[in-house]
Amino acid sequence: MPRRARLDAPGTLHHVMVRGIERRRIVNDVADRKNFVKRLAELCVDTKTRIYA
């Protein structure tokens, strides 16, 4: 049975977790982490999205 679609209403908070398949690492070193955070920050600016934690 498929999962129901998520609500996507203005002002709705979403709990988002980033984890690799089978709990594998998604970054390998400090440079990877910095690149990930930089790209995420750029995406948030472009989409007017806020990250609280």
C-alpha atoms as a PDB file:
ATOM      1  CA  MET A   1       0.000   0.000   0.000  1.00  0.00           C
ATOM      2  CA  PRO A   2       1.571   3.322  -1.028  1.00  0.00           C
ATOM      3  CA  ARG A   3       2.202   6.041   1.507  1.00  0.00           C
ATOM      4  CA  ARG A   4      -0.084   9.082   1.446  1.00  0.00           C
ATOM      5  CA  ALA A   5       1.290  12.275  -0.061  1.00  0.00           C
ATOM      6  CA  ARG A   6       2.865  14.687   2.405  1.00  0.00           C
ATOM      7  CA  LEU A   7       1.161  17.975   3.186  1.00  0.00           C
ATOM      8  CA  ASP A   8       2.891  20.887   1.518  1.00  0.00           C
ATOM      9  CA  ALA A   9       1.048  23.938   2.811  1.00  0.00           C
ATOM     10  CA  PRO A  10       2.682  27.339   3.345  1.00  0.00           C
ATOM     11  CA  GLY A  11       4.167  27.599   6.828  1.00  0.00           C
ATOM     12  CA  THR A  12       4.161  23.850   7.418  1.00  0.00           C
ATOM     13  CA  LEU A  13       7.237  22.527   9.212  1.00  0.00           C
ATOM     14  CA  HIS A  14       8.920  19.389   7.884  1.00  0.00           C
ATOM     15  CA  HIS A  15      11.318  17.132   9.764  1.00  0.00           C
ATOM     16  CA  VAL A  16      13.987  16.216   7.233  1.00  0.00           C
ATOM     17  CA  MET A  17      16.779  13.751   7.897  1.00  0.00           C
ATOM     18  CA  VAL A  18      19.695  13.088   5.601  1.00  0.00           C
ATOM     19  CA  ARG A  19      21.131   9.610   5.816  1.00  0.00           C
ATOM     20  CA  GLY A  20      22.836   7.330   3.358  1.00  0.00           C
ATOM     21  CA  ILE A  21      21.417   4.029   2.175  1.00  0.00           C
ATOM     22  CA  GLU A  22      21.983   1.339   4.812  1.00  0.00           C
ATOM     23  CA  ARG A  23      23.179   4.132   7.127  1.00  0.00           C
ATOM     24  CA  ARG A  24      26.295   4.678   5.053  1.00  0.00           C
ATOM     25  CA  ARG A  25      28.114   7.976   5.338  1.00  0.00           C
ATOM     26  CA  ILE A  26      26.977  10.716   3.001  1.00  0.00           C
ATOM     27  CA  VAL A  27      30.188  12.713   3.403  1.00  0.00           C
ATOM     28  CA  ASN A  28      33.707  11.326   3.520  1.00  0.00           C
ATOM     29  CA  ASP A  29      35.669  14.205   4.995  1.00  0.00           C
ATOM     30  CA  VAL A  30      35.533  17.815   6.154  1.00  0.00           C
ATOM     31  CA  ALA A  31      35.731  19.125   2.576  1.00  0.00           C
ATOM     32  CA  ASP A  32      32.706  17.009   1.559  1.00  0.00           C
ATOM     33  CA  ARG A  33      30.764  18.276   4.571  1.00  0.00           C
ATOM     34  CA  LYS A  34      31.600  21.915   3.830  1.00  0.00           C
ATOM     35  CA  ASN A  35      30.536  21.454   0.203  1.00  0.00           C
ATOM     36  CA  PHE A  36      27.254  19.837   1.278  1.00  0.00           C
ATOM     37  CA  VAL A  37      26.477  22.631   3.756  1.00  0.00           C
ATOM     38  CA  LYS A  38      27.380  25.317   1.194  1.00  0.00           C
ATOM     39  CA  ARG A  39      25.132  23.804  -1.467  1.00  0.00           C
ATOM     40  CA  LEU A  40      22.306  23.339   1.025  1.00  0.00           C
ATOM     41  CA  ALA A  41      22.616  26.985   2.090  1.00  0.00           C
ATOM     42  CA  GLU A  42      22.489  28.137  -1.547  1.00  0.00           C
ATOM     43  CA  LEU A  43      19.404  26.013  -2.153  1.00  0.00           C
ATOM     44  CA  CYS A  44      17.713  27.489   0.916  1.00  0.00           C
ATOM     45  CA  VAL A  45      18.363  31.023  -0.326  1.00  0.00           C
ATOM     46  CA  ASP A  46      17.074  30.179  -3.810  1.00  0.00           C
ATOM     47  CA  THR A  47      13.891  28.553  -2.472  1.00  0.00           C
ATOM     48  CA  LYS A  48      13.362  30.857   0.535  1.00  0.00           C
ATOM     49  CA  THR A  49      13.552  27.847   2.848  1.00  0.00           C
ATOM     50  CA  ARG A  50      14.610  28.082   6.490  1.00  0.00           C
ATOM     51  CA  ILE A  51      16.634  25.522   8.419  1.00  0.00           C
ATOM     52  CA  TYR A  52      16.163  25.641  12.174  1.00  0.00           C
ATOM     53  CA  ALA A  53      18.745  23.095  13.325  1.00  0.00           C
END
